[in-house]
């Protein structure tokens, strides 16, 4: 239990260090930032004619070389935006990260929803 109590504040501190990053797909925009609960990603659909299913990957680079990856998806109607939380529990190996160095949104895909 002591390890768990120490891990949560460390994780929160590490995530809070990550800057806001944005990546654009052809018709969707995904911006992610670290919060105390995990990674908060805002997904915008401003250019399409209808609802999109947007998927993306997030890569956290740590100073000690550890790379933490996560994936997410969100359905977004036209001219709307949603916030999607990737919780700390989905960030595998977060305890091995000494300090956050960069946050990158990758592989954004936007497909028409059916």
PDB file of N, CA and C in Angstrom:
ATOM      1  N   UNK A   1       0.802  -1.186   0.000  1.00  0.00           N
ATOM      2  CA  UNK A   1       0.000   0.000   0.000  1.00  0.00           C
ATOM      3  C   UNK A   1       0.858   1.268   0.000  1.00  0.00           C
ATOM      4  N   UNK A   2       2.025   1.234   0.682  1.00  0.00           N
ATOM      5  CA  UNK A   2       2.888   2.410   0.701  1.00  0.00           C
ATOM      6  C   UNK A   2       3.382   2.747  -0.697  1.00  0.00           C
ATOM      7  N   UNK A   3       3.728   1.714  -1.464  1.00  0.00           N
ATOM      8  CA  UNK A   3       4.209   1.932  -2.822  1.00  0.00           C
ATOM      9  C   UNK A   3       3.119   2.591  -3.658  1.00  0.00           C
ATOM     10  N   UNK A   4       1.886   2.112  -3.506  1.00  0.00           N
ATOM     11  CA  UNK A   4       0.767   2.678  -4.261  1.00  0.00           C
ATOM     12  C   UNK A   4       0.547   4.140  -3.890  1.00  0.00           C
ATOM     13  N   UNK A   5       0.641   4.468  -2.605  1.00  0.00           N
ATOM     14  CA  UNK A   5       0.451   5.847  -2.164  1.00  0.00           C
ATOM     15  C   UNK A   5       1.550   6.761  -2.690  1.00  0.00           C
ATOM     16  N   UNK A   6       2.751   6.230  -2.886  1.00  0.00           N
ATOM     17  CA  UNK A   6       3.846   7.019  -3.438  1.00  0.00           C
ATOM     18  C   UNK A   6       3.755   7.133  -4.958  1.00  0.00           C
ATOM     19  N   UNK A   7       3.228   6.097  -5.594  1.00  0.00           N
ATOM     20  CA  UNK A   7       3.152   6.050  -7.052  1.00  0.00           C
ATOM     21  C   UNK A   7       2.176   7.077  -7.613  1.00  0.00           C
ATOM     22  N   UNK A   8       1.033   7.246  -6.985  1.00  0.00           N
ATOM     23  CA  UNK A   8       0.019   8.165  -7.505  1.00  0.00           C
ATOM     24  C   UNK A   8       0.534   9.608  -7.556  1.00  0.00           C
ATOM     25  N   UNK A   9       1.113  10.166  -6.473  1.00  0.00           N
ATOM     26  CA  UNK A   9       1.631  11.540  -6.587  1.00  0.00           C
ATOM     27  C   UNK A   9       2.737  11.669  -7.637  1.00  0.00           C
ATOM     28  N   UNK A  10       3.573  10.638  -7.767  1.00  0.00           N
ATOM     29  CA  UNK A  10       4.624  10.661  -8.779  1.00  0.00           C
ATOM     30  C   UNK A  10       4.014  10.689 -10.177  1.00  0.00           C
ATOM     31  N   UNK A  11       3.017   9.853 -10.396  1.00  0.00           N
ATOM     32  CA  UNK A  11       2.361   9.808 -11.697  1.00  0.00           C
ATOM     33  C   UNK A  11       1.703  11.147 -12.020  1.00  0.00           C
ATOM     34  N   UNK A  12       1.062  11.719 -11.046  1.00  0.00           N
ATOM     35  CA  UNK A  12       0.404  13.013 -11.253  1.00  0.00           C
ATOM     36  C   UNK A  12       1.433  14.085 -11.601  1.00  0.00           C
ATOM     37  N   UNK A  13       2.551  14.081 -10.898  1.00  0.00           N
ATOM     38  CA  UNK A  13       3.597  15.066 -11.173  1.00  0.00           C
ATOM     39  C   UNK A  13       4.170  14.889 -12.574  1.00  0.00           C
ATOM     40  N   UNK A  14       4.384  13.646 -12.976  1.00  0.00           N
ATOM     41  CA  UNK A  14       4.942  13.383 -14.300  1.00  0.00           C
ATOM     42  C   UNK A  14       3.980  13.798 -15.402  1.00  0.00           C
ATOM     43  N   UNK A  15       2.718  13.453 -15.264  1.00  0.00           N
ATOM     44  CA  UNK A  15       1.742  13.793 -16.285  1.00  0.00           C
ATOM     45  C   UNK A  15       1.578  15.303 -16.380  1.00  0.00           C
ATOM     46  N   UNK A  16       1.601  15.977 -15.252  1.00  0.00           N
ATOM     47  CA  UNK A  16       1.422  17.434 -15.252  1.00  0.00           C
ATOM     48  C   UNK A  16       2.552  18.151 -15.983  1.00  0.00           C
ATOM     49  N   UNK A  17       3.709  17.514 -16.129  1.00  0.00           N
ATOM     50  CA  UNK A  17       4.837  18.135 -16.809  1.00  0.00           C
ATOM     51  C   UNK A  17       4.669  18.169 -18.327  1.00  0.00           C
ATOM     52  N   UNK A  18       3.815  17.314 -18.856  1.00  0.00           N
ATOM     53  CA  UNK A  18       3.690  17.223 -20.299  1.00  0.00           C
ATOM     54  C   UNK A  18       2.931  18.408 -20.860  1.00  0.00           C
ATOM     55  N   UNK A  19       3.467  19.001 -21.899  1.00  0.00           N
ATOM     56  CA  UNK A  19       2.836  20.169 -22.533  1.00  0.00           C
ATOM     57  C   UNK A  19       1.696  19.727 -23.431  1.00  0.00           C
ATOM     58  N   UNK A  20       0.876  20.674 -23.782  1.00  0.00           N
ATOM     59  CA  UNK A  20      -0.239  20.452 -24.698  1.00  0.00           C
ATOM     60  C   UNK A  20       0.318  20.178 -26.085  1.00  0.00           C
ATOM     61  N   UNK A  21      -0.135  19.113 -26.728  1.00  0.00           N
ATOM     62  CA  UNK A  21       0.310  18.783 -28.078  1.00  0.00           C
ATOM     63  C   UNK A  21      -0.908  18.584 -28.964  1.00  0.00           C
ATOM     64  N   UNK A  22      -0.783  18.943 -30.237  1.00  0.00           N
ATOM     65  CA  UNK A  22      -1.893  18.859 -31.173  1.00  0.00           C
ATOM     66  C   UNK A  22      -1.448  18.120 -32.430  1.00  0.00           C
ATOM     67  N   UNK A  23      -2.368  17.347 -32.995  1.00  0.00           N
ATOM     68  CA  UNK A  23      -2.117  16.682 -34.266  1.00  0.00           C
ATOM     69  C   UNK A  23      -3.394  16.758 -35.097  1.00  0.00           C
ATOM     70  N   UNK A  24      -3.245  17.016 -36.390  1.00  0.00           N
ATOM     71  CA  UNK A  24      -4.391  17.140 -37.280  1.00  0.00           C
ATOM     72  C   UNK A  24      -4.458  15.949 -38.229  1.00  0.00           C
ATOM     73  N   UNK A  25      -5.629  15.379 -38.395  1.00  0.00           N
ATOM     74  CA  UNK A  25      -5.901  14.442 -39.478  1.00  0.00           C
ATOM     75  C   UNK A  25      -6.605  15.267 -40.551  1.00  0.00           C
ATOM     76  N   UNK A  26      -6.980  14.641 -41.636  1.00  0.00           N
ATOM     77  CA  UNK A  26      -7.609  15.377 -42.729  1.00  0.00           C
ATOM     78  C   UNK A  26      -8.830  16.169 -42.263  1.00  0.00           C
ATOM     79  N   UNK A  27      -9.633  15.614 -41.378  1.00  0.00           N
ATOM     80  CA  UNK A  27     -10.865  16.272 -40.980  1.00  0.00           C
ATOM     81  C   UNK A  27     -11.044  16.373 -39.468  1.00  0.00           C
ATOM     82  N   UNK A  28     -10.065  15.994 -38.692  1.00  0.00           N
ATOM     83  CA  UNK A  28     -10.202  16.037 -37.235  1.00  0.00           C
ATOM     84  C   UNK A  28      -8.918  16.562 -36.615  1.00  0.00           C
ATOM     85  N   UNK A  29      -9.070  17.130 -35.434  1.00  0.00           N
ATOM     86  CA  UNK A  29      -7.935  17.655 -34.681  1.00  0.00           C
ATOM     87  C   UNK A  29      -7.954  17.007 -33.298  1.00  0.00           C
ATOM     88  N   UNK A  30      -6.790  16.531 -32.847  1.00  0.00           N
ATOM     89  CA  UNK A  30      -6.668  15.922 -31.524  1.00  0.00           C
ATOM     90  C   UNK A  30      -5.575  16.661 -30.761  1.00  0.00           C
ATOM     91  N   UNK A  31      -5.926  17.172 -29.588  1.00  0.00           N
ATOM     92  CA  UNK A  31      -4.980  17.865 -28.715  1.00  0.00           C
ATOM     93  C   UNK A  31      -4.988  17.159 -27.375  1.00  0.00           C
ATOM     94  N   UNK A  32      -3.820  16.833 -26.849  1.00  0.00           N
ATOM     95  CA  UNK A  32      -3.734  16.134 -25.562  1.00  0.00           C
ATOM     96  C   UNK A  32      -2.834  16.890 -24.601  1.00  0.00           C
ATOM     97  N   UNK A  33      -3.173  16.777 -23.323  1.00  0.00           N
ATOM     98  CA  UNK A  33      -2.352  17.372 -22.269  1.00  0.00           C
ATOM     99  C   UNK A  33      -2.442  16.484 -21.050  1.00  0.00           C
ATOM    100  N   UNK A  34      -1.419  16.562 -20.217  1.00  0.00           N
ATOM    101  CA  UNK A  34      -1.406  15.783 -18.994  1.00  0.00           C
ATOM    102  C   UNK A  34      -2.230  16.446 -17.914  1.00  0.00           C
ATOM    103  N   UNK A  35      -2.948  15.625 -17.146  1.00  0.00           N
ATOM    104  CA  UNK A  35      -3.700  16.105 -15.989  1.00  0.00           C
ATOM    105  C   UNK A  35      -3.411  15.156 -14.827  1.00  0.00           C
ATOM    106  N   UNK A  36      -3.922  15.462 -13.679  1.00  0.00           N
ATOM    107  CA  UNK A  36      -3.736  14.602 -12.516  1.00  0.00           C
ATOM    108  C   UNK A  36      -4.420  13.259 -12.632  1.00  0.00           C
ATOM    109  N   UNK A  37      -5.366  13.121 -13.572  1.00  0.00           N
ATOM    110  CA  UNK A  37      -6.101  11.877 -13.751  1.00  0.00           C
ATOM    111  C   UNK A  37      -5.578  11.045 -14.912  1.00  0.00           C
ATOM    112  N   UNK A  38      -4.739  11.632 -15.750  1.00  0.00           N
ATOM    113  CA  UNK A  38      -4.213  10.935 -16.922  1.00  0.00           C
ATOM    114  C   UNK A  38      -3.972  11.912 -18.046  1.00  0.00           C
ATOM    115  N   UNK A  39      -4.299  11.504 -19.270  1.00  0.00           N
ATOM    116  CA  UNK A  39      -4.156  12.364 -20.434  1.00  0.00           C
ATOM    117  C   UNK A  39      -5.529  12.794 -20.903  1.00  0.00           C
ATOM    118  N   UNK A  40      -5.728  14.082 -20.992  1.00  0.00           N
ATOM    119  CA  UNK A  40      -6.994  14.637 -21.444  1.00  0.00           C
ATOM    120  C   UNK A  40      -6.830  15.056 -22.900  1.00  0.00           C
ATOM    121  N   UNK A  41      -7.592  14.411 -23.775  1.00  0.00           N
ATOM    122  CA  UNK A  41      -7.488  14.686 -25.209  1.00  0.00           C
ATOM    123  C   UNK A  41      -8.783  15.325 -25.705  1.00  0.00           C
ATOM    124  N   UNK A  42      -8.647  16.466 -26.354  1.00  0.00           N
ATOM    125  CA  UNK A  42      -9.787  17.149 -26.954  1.00  0.00           C
ATOM    126  C   UNK A  42      -9.804  16.801 -28.434  1.00  0.00           C
ATOM    127  N   UNK A  43     -10.947  16.293 -28.895  1.00  0.00           N
ATOM    128  CA  UNK A  43     -11.102  15.853 -30.279  1.00  0.00           C
ATOM    129  C   UNK A  43     -12.125  16.770 -30.940  1.00  0.00           C
ATOM    130  N   UNK A  44     -11.708  17.414 -32.048  1.00  0.00           N
ATOM    131  CA  UNK A  44     -12.573  18.363 -32.758  1.00  0.00           C
ATOM    132  C   UNK A  44     -12.869  17.866 -34.169  1.00  0.00           C
ATOM    133  N   UNK A  45     -14.111  18.057 -34.585  1.00  0.00           N
ATOM    134  CA  UNK A  45     -14.551  17.724 -35.942  1.00  0.00           C
ATOM    135  C   UNK A  45     -15.128  19.002 -36.533  1.00  0.00           C
ATOM    136  N   UNK A  46     -14.302  19.785 -37.182  1.00  0.00           N
ATOM    137  CA  UNK A  46     -14.732  21.088 -37.705  1.00  0.00           C
ATOM    138  C   UNK A  46     -14.855  21.120 -39.224  1.00  0.00           C
ATOM    139  N   UNK A  47     -14.364  20.097 -39.914  1.00  0.00           N
ATOM    140  CA  UNK A  47     -14.285  20.190 -41.366  1.00  0.00           C
ATOM    141  C   UNK A  47     -15.110  19.149 -42.117  1.00  0.00           C
ATOM    142  N   UNK A  48     -15.573  18.134 -41.456  1.00  0.00           N
ATOM    143  CA  UNK A  48     -16.263  17.064 -42.175  1.00  0.00           C
ATOM    144  C   UNK A  48     -17.737  17.395 -42.375  1.00  0.00           C
ATOM    145  N   UNK A  49     -18.371  16.629 -43.233  1.00  0.00           N
ATOM    146  CA  UNK A  49     -19.788  16.826 -43.516  1.00  0.00           C
ATOM    147  C   UNK A  49     -20.677  16.054 -42.547  1.00  0.00           C
ATOM    148  N   UNK A  50     -20.097  15.210 -41.717  1.00  0.00           N
ATOM    149  CA  UNK A  50     -20.908  14.405 -40.799  1.00  0.00           C
ATOM    150  C   UNK A  50     -20.104  13.940 -39.598  1.00  0.00           C
ATOM    151  N   UNK A  51     -20.646  12.969 -38.893  1.00  0.00           N
ATOM    152  CA  UNK A  51     -20.010  12.414 -37.698  1.00  0.00           C
ATOM    153  C   UNK A  51     -18.807  11.570 -38.088  1.00  0.00           C
ATOM    154  N   UNK A  52     -17.724  11.692 -37.298  1.00  0.00           N
ATOM    155  CA  UNK A  52     -16.486  10.940 -37.535  1.00  0.00           C
ATOM    156  C   UNK A  52     -16.172  10.023 -36.359  1.00  0.00           C
ATOM    157  N   UNK A  53     -15.565   8.897 -36.676  1.00  0.00           N
ATOM    158  CA  UNK A  53     -14.920   8.057 -35.669  1.00  0.00           C
ATOM    159  C   UNK A  53     -13.434   8.390 -35.749  1.00  0.00           C
ATOM    160  N   UNK A  54     -12.905   9.009 -34.703  1.00  0.00           N
ATOM    161  CA  UNK A  54     -11.520   9.463 -34.688  1.00  0.00           C
ATOM    162  C   UNK A  54     -10.717   8.564 -33.751  1.00  0.00           C
ATOM    163  N   UNK A  55      -9.579   8.067 -34.238  1.00  0.00           N
ATOM    164  CA  UNK A  55      -8.677   7.238 -33.436  1.00  0.00           C
ATOM    165  C   UNK A  55      -7.299   7.876 -33.444  1.00  0.00           C
ATOM    166  N   UNK A  56      -6.530   7.669 -32.364  1.00  0.00           N
ATOM    167  CA  UNK A  56      -5.195   8.236 -32.280  1.00  0.00           C
ATOM    168  C   UNK A  56      -4.358   7.474 -31.267  1.00  0.00           C
ATOM    169  N   UNK A  57      -3.052   7.671 -31.358  1.00  0.00           N
ATOM    170  CA  UNK A  57      -2.084   7.115 -30.411  1.00  0.00           C
ATOM    171  C   UNK A  57      -1.383   8.277 -29.721  1.00  0.00           C
ATOM    172  N   UNK A  58      -0.978   8.057 -28.481  1.00  0.00           N
ATOM    173  CA  UNK A  58      -0.220   9.043 -27.724  1.00  0.00           C
ATOM    174  C   UNK A  58       1.087   8.384 -27.297  1.00  0.00           C
ATOM    175  N   UNK A  59       2.184   9.126 -27.445  1.00  0.00           N
ATOM    176  CA  UNK A  59       3.503   8.627 -27.033  1.00  0.00           C
ATOM    177  C   UNK A  59       4.108   9.611 -26.035  1.00  0.00           C
ATOM    178  N   UNK A  60       4.420   9.115 -24.850  1.00  0.00           N
ATOM    179  CA  UNK A  60       5.086   9.907 -23.818  1.00  0.00           C
ATOM    180  C   UNK A  60       6.544   9.481 -23.763  1.00  0.00           C
ATOM    181  N   UNK A  61       7.441  10.386 -23.988  1.00  0.00           N
ATOM    182  CA  UNK A  61       8.878  10.118 -23.930  1.00  0.00           C
ATOM    183  C   UNK A  61       9.396  10.590 -22.580  1.00  0.00           C
ATOM    184  N   UNK A  62      10.065   9.701 -21.855  1.00  0.00           N
ATOM    185  CA  UNK A  62      10.633  10.038 -20.552  1.00  0.00           C
ATOM    186  C   UNK A  62      12.113  10.370 -20.698  1.00  0.00           C
ATOM    187  N   UNK A  63      12.618  11.131 -19.760  1.00  0.00           N
ATOM    188  CA  UNK A  63      14.026  11.534 -19.794  1.00  0.00           C
ATOM    189  C   UNK A  63      14.960  10.328 -19.754  1.00  0.00           C
ATOM    190  N   UNK A  64      14.567   9.262 -19.032  1.00  0.00           N
ATOM    191  CA  UNK A  64      15.417   8.079 -18.923  1.00  0.00           C
ATOM    192  C   UNK A  64      15.251   7.111 -20.097  1.00  0.00           C
ATOM    193  N   UNK A  65      14.524   7.519 -21.152  1.00  0.00           N
ATOM    194  CA  UNK A  65      14.394   6.694 -22.351  1.00  0.00           C
ATOM    195  C   UNK A  65      13.152   5.821 -22.388  1.00  0.00           C
ATOM    196  N   UNK A  66      12.427   5.718 -21.301  1.00  0.00           N
ATOM    197  CA  UNK A  66      11.204   4.927 -21.278  1.00  0.00           C
ATOM    198  C   UNK A  66      10.164   5.617 -22.160  1.00  0.00           C
ATOM    199  N   UNK A  67       9.477   4.827 -22.968  1.00  0.00           N
ATOM    200  CA  UNK A  67       8.413   5.345 -23.822  1.00  0.00           C
ATOM    201  C   UNK A  67       7.105   4.700 -23.377  1.00  0.00           C
ATOM    202  N   UNK A  68       6.123   5.530 -23.119  1.00  0.00           N
ATOM    203  CA  UNK A  68       4.805   5.066 -22.695  1.00  0.00           C
ATOM    204  C   UNK A  68       3.836   5.362 -23.820  1.00  0.00           C
ATOM    205  N   UNK A  69       3.074   4.340 -24.217  1.00  0.00           N
ATOM    206  CA  UNK A  69       2.137   4.494 -25.329  1.00  0.00           C
ATOM    207  C   UNK A  69       0.711   4.209 -24.865  1.00  0.00           C
ATOM    208  N   UNK A  70      -0.220   4.891 -25.495  1.00  0.00           N
ATOM    209  CA  UNK A  70      -1.644   4.653 -25.252  1.00  0.00           C
ATOM    210  C   UNK A  70      -2.396   4.959 -26.535  1.00  0.00           C
ATOM    211  N   UNK A  71      -3.554   4.346 -26.688  1.00  0.00           N
ATOM    212  CA  UNK A  71      -4.407   4.569 -27.852  1.00  0.00           C
ATOM    213  C   UNK A  71      -5.816   4.881 -27.382  1.00  0.00           C
ATOM    214  N   UNK A  72      -6.541   5.625 -28.202  1.00  0.00           N
ATOM    215  CA  UNK A  72      -7.916   5.976 -27.858  1.00  0.00           C
ATOM    216  C   UNK A  72      -8.707   6.250 -29.123  1.00  0.00           C
ATOM    217  N   UNK A  73     -10.020   6.317 -28.963  1.00  0.00           N
ATOM    218  CA  UNK A  73     -10.898   6.692 -30.069  1.00  0.00           C
ATOM    219  C   UNK A  73     -12.128   7.390 -29.506  1.00  0.00           C
ATOM    220  N   UNK A  74     -12.744   8.198 -30.356  1.00  0.00           N
ATOM    221  CA  UNK A  74     -13.898   8.977 -29.937  1.00  0.00           C
ATOM    222  C   UNK A  74     -14.770   9.250 -31.151  1.00  0.00           C
ATOM    223  N   UNK A  75     -16.052   9.159 -30.983  1.00  0.00           N
ATOM    224  CA  UNK A  75     -17.017   9.517 -32.029  1.00  0.00           C
ATOM    225  C   UNK A  75     -17.378  10.986 -31.833  1.00  0.00           C
ATOM    226  N   UNK A  76     -17.272  11.780 -32.913  1.00  0.00           N
ATOM    227  CA  UNK A  76     -17.485  13.227 -32.808  1.00  0.00           C
ATOM    228  C   UNK A  76     -18.401  13.711 -33.933  1.00  0.00           C
ATOM    229  N   UNK A  77     -19.553  14.300 -33.599  1.00  0.00           N
ATOM    230  CA  UNK A  77     -20.433  14.858 -34.619  1.00  0.00           C
ATOM    231  C   UNK A  77     -19.798  16.074 -35.305  1.00  0.00           C
ATOM    232  N   UNK A  78     -20.323  16.419 -36.466  1.00  0.00           N
ATOM    233  CA  UNK A  78     -19.844  17.571 -37.224  1.00  0.00           C
ATOM    234  C   UNK A  78     -19.959  18.854 -36.394  1.00  0.00           C
ATOM    235  N   UNK A  79     -18.955  19.717 -36.529  1.00  0.00           N
ATOM    236  CA  UNK A  79     -18.911  21.000 -35.827  1.00  0.00           C
ATOM    237  C   UNK A  79     -19.033  20.862 -34.316  1.00  0.00           C
ATOM    238  N   UNK A  80     -18.402  19.833 -33.772  1.00  0.00           N
ATOM    239  CA  UNK A  80     -18.464  19.598 -32.333  1.00  0.00           C
ATOM    240  C   UNK A  80     -17.096  19.161 -31.835  1.00  0.00           C
ATOM    241  N   UNK A  81     -16.972  19.051 -30.528  1.00  0.00           N
ATOM    242  CA  UNK A  81     -15.739  18.546 -29.925  1.00  0.00           C
ATOM    243  C   UNK A  81     -16.097  17.783 -28.655  1.00  0.00           C
ATOM    244  N   UNK A  82     -15.252  16.821 -28.319  1.00  0.00           N
ATOM    245  CA  UNK A  82     -15.410  16.048 -27.097  1.00  0.00           C
ATOM    246  C   UNK A  82     -14.071  15.951 -26.401  1.00  0.00           C
ATOM    247  N   UNK A  83     -14.106  15.781 -25.094  1.00  0.00           N
ATOM    248  CA  UNK A  83     -12.891  15.547 -24.324  1.00  0.00           C
ATOM    249  C   UNK A  83     -12.880  14.087 -23.912  1.00  0.00           C
ATOM    250  N   UNK A  84     -11.776  13.409 -24.202  1.00  0.00           N
ATOM    251  CA  UNK A  84     -11.612  11.992 -23.907  1.00  0.00           C
ATOM    252  C   UNK A  84     -10.473  11.841 -22.904  1.00  0.00           C
ATOM    253  N   UNK A  85     -10.714  11.168 -21.784  1.00  0.00           N
ATOM    254  CA  UNK A  85      -9.679  10.950 -20.777  1.00  0.00           C
ATOM    255  C   UNK A  85      -9.060   9.575 -20.944  1.00  0.00           C
ATOM    256  N   UNK A  86      -7.734   9.547 -21.083  1.00  0.00           N
ATOM    257  CA  UNK A  86      -6.983   8.292 -21.028  1.00  0.00           C
ATOM    258  C   UNK A  86      -6.476   8.207 -19.588  1.00  0.00           C
ATOM    259  N   UNK A  87      -7.055   7.335 -18.761  1.00  0.00           N
ATOM    260  CA  UNK A  87      -6.709   7.313 -17.335  1.00  0.00           C
ATOM    261  C   UNK A  87      -5.289   6.813 -17.075  1.00  0.00           C
ATOM    262  N   UNK A  88      -4.767   7.176 -15.913  1.00  0.00           N
ATOM    263  CA  UNK A  88      -3.425   6.733 -15.505  1.00  0.00           C
ATOM    264  C   UNK A  88      -3.280   5.220 -15.597  1.00  0.00           C
ATOM    265  N   UNK A  89      -4.342   4.494 -15.292  1.00  0.00           N
ATOM    266  CA  UNK A  89      -4.282   3.026 -15.300  1.00  0.00           C
ATOM    267  C   UNK A  89      -3.988   2.462 -16.684  1.00  0.00           C
ATOM    268  N   UNK A  90      -4.256   3.217 -17.750  1.00  0.00           N
ATOM    269  CA  UNK A  90      -3.978   2.750 -19.108  1.00  0.00           C
ATOM    270  C   UNK A  90      -2.583   3.137 -19.591  1.00  0.00           C
ATOM    271  N   UNK A  91      -1.835   3.873 -18.788  1.00  0.00           N
ATOM    272  CA  UNK A  91      -0.478   4.284 -19.159  1.00  0.00           C
ATOM    273  C   UNK A  91       0.511   3.292 -18.551  1.00  0.00           C
ATOM    274  N   UNK A  92       0.732   2.208 -19.277  1.00  0.00           N
ATOM    275  CA  UNK A  92       1.601   1.136 -18.798  1.00  0.00           C
ATOM    276  C   UNK A  92       3.038   1.624 -18.639  1.00  0.00           C
ATOM    277  N   UNK A  93       3.715   1.134 -17.615  1.00  0.00           N
ATOM    278  CA  UNK A  93       5.107   1.469 -17.293  1.00  0.00           C
ATOM    279  C   UNK A  93       5.290   2.909 -16.829  1.00  0.00           C
ATOM    280  N   UNK A  94       4.237   3.560 -16.411  1.00  0.00           N
ATOM    281  CA  UNK A  94       4.359   4.927 -15.926  1.00  0.00           C
ATOM    282  C   UNK A  94       5.279   5.008 -14.721  1.00  0.00           C
ATOM    283  N   UNK A  95       5.288   3.967 -13.896  1.00  0.00           N
ATOM    284  CA  UNK A  95       6.148   3.961 -12.713  1.00  0.00           C
ATOM    285  C   UNK A  95       7.634   3.883 -13.068  1.00  0.00           C
ATOM    286  N   UNK A  96       7.964   3.471 -14.310  1.00  0.00           N
ATOM    287  CA  UNK A  96       9.361   3.392 -14.737  1.00  0.00           C
ATOM    288  C   UNK A  96       9.869   4.707 -15.321  1.00  0.00           C
ATOM    289  N   UNK A  97       8.980   5.667 -15.485  1.00  0.00           N
ATOM    290  CA  UNK A  97       9.333   6.958 -16.078  1.00  0.00           C
ATOM    291  C   UNK A  97       9.894   7.882 -15.004  1.00  0.00           C
ATOM    292  N   UNK A  98      11.086   8.412 -15.231  1.00  0.00           N
ATOM    293  CA  UNK A  98      11.691   9.298 -14.226  1.00  0.00           C
ATOM    294  C   UNK A  98      11.169  10.721 -14.317  1.00  0.00           C
ATOM    295  N   UNK A  99      10.977  11.240 -15.528  1.00  0.00           N
ATOM    296  CA  UNK A  99      10.438  12.589 -15.731  1.00  0.00           C
ATOM    297  C   UNK A  99       9.991  12.705 -17.180  1.00  0.00           C
ATOM    298  N   UNK A 100       8.853  13.336 -17.380  1.00  0.00           N
ATOM    299  CA  UNK A 100       8.332  13.498 -18.727  1.00  0.00           C
ATOM    300  C   UNK A 100       9.158  14.478 -19.538  1.00  0.00           C
ATOM    301  N   UNK A 101       9.426  14.098 -20.786  1.00  0.00           N
ATOM    302  CA  UNK A 101      10.204  14.953 -21.665  1.00  0.00           C
ATOM    303  C   UNK A 101       9.362  15.499 -22.808  1.00  0.00           C
ATOM    304  N   UNK A 102       8.483  14.648 -23.374  1.00  0.00           N
ATOM    305  CA  UNK A 102       7.632  15.115 -24.475  1.00  0.00           C
ATOM    306  C   UNK A 102       6.370  14.270 -24.569  1.00  0.00           C
ATOM    307  N   UNK A 103       5.369  14.853 -25.174  1.00  0.00           N
ATOM    308  CA  UNK A 103       4.088  14.199 -25.412  1.00  0.00           C
ATOM    309  C   UNK A 103       3.750  14.404 -26.877  1.00  0.00           C
ATOM    310  N   UNK A 104       3.485  13.313 -27.601  1.00  0.00           N
ATOM    311  CA  UNK A 104       3.216  13.387 -29.027  1.00  0.00           C
ATOM    312  C   UNK A 104       1.940  12.641 -29.361  1.00  0.00           C
ATOM    313  N   UNK A 105       1.069  13.260 -30.159  1.00  0.00           N
ATOM    314  CA  UNK A 105      -0.116  12.610 -30.686  1.00  0.00           C
ATOM    315  C   UNK A 105       0.248  12.109 -32.074  1.00  0.00           C
ATOM    316  N   UNK A 106      -0.012  10.821 -32.330  1.00  0.00           N
ATOM    317  CA  UNK A 106       0.384  10.192 -33.592  1.00  0.00           C
ATOM    318  C   UNK A 106      -0.781   9.410 -34.191  1.00  0.00           C
ATOM    319  N   UNK A 107      -0.633   9.075 -35.452  1.00  0.00           N
ATOM    320  CA  UNK A 107      -1.527   8.130 -36.146  1.00  0.00           C
ATOM    321  C   UNK A 107      -3.002   8.502 -36.022  1.00  0.00           C
ATOM    322  N   UNK A 108      -3.312   9.766 -36.182  1.00  0.00           N
ATOM    323  CA  UNK A 108      -4.710  10.206 -36.115  1.00  0.00           C
ATOM    324  C   UNK A 108      -5.413   9.742 -37.391  1.00  0.00           C
ATOM    325  N   UNK A 109      -6.527   9.047 -37.224  1.00  0.00           N
ATOM    326  CA  UNK A 109      -7.354   8.652 -38.352  1.00  0.00           C
ATOM    327  C   UNK A 109      -8.786   9.108 -38.087  1.00  0.00           C
ATOM    328  N   UNK A 110      -9.439   9.581 -39.122  1.00  0.00           N
ATOM    329  CA  UNK A 110     -10.816  10.040 -39.026  1.00  0.00           C
ATOM    330  C   UNK A 110     -11.617   9.376 -40.143  1.00  0.00           C
ATOM    331  N   UNK A 111     -12.579   8.577 -39.725  1.00  0.00           N
ATOM    332  CA  UNK A 111     -13.415   7.885 -40.704  1.00  0.00           C
ATOM    333  C   UNK A 111     -14.884   8.240 -40.479  1.00  0.00           C
ATOM    334  N   UNK A 112     -15.641   8.301 -41.548  1.00  0.00           N
ATOM    335  CA  UNK A 112     -17.082   8.586 -41.385  1.00  0.00           C
ATOM    336  C   UNK A 112     -17.738   7.532 -40.501  1.00  0.00           C
ATOM    337  N   UNK A 113     -18.573   7.967 -39.577  1.00  0.00           N
ATOM    338  CA  UNK A 113     -19.293   7.050 -38.702  1.00  0.00           C
ATOM    339  C   UNK A 113     -20.458   6.447 -39.460  1.00  0.00           C
ATOM    340  N   UNK A 114     -20.769   5.237 -39.127  1.00  0.00           N
ATOM    341  CA  UNK A 114     -21.905   4.547 -39.789  1.00  0.00           C
ATOM    342  C   UNK A 114     -23.034   4.373 -38.835  1.00  0.00           C
TER     343      UNK A 114
END
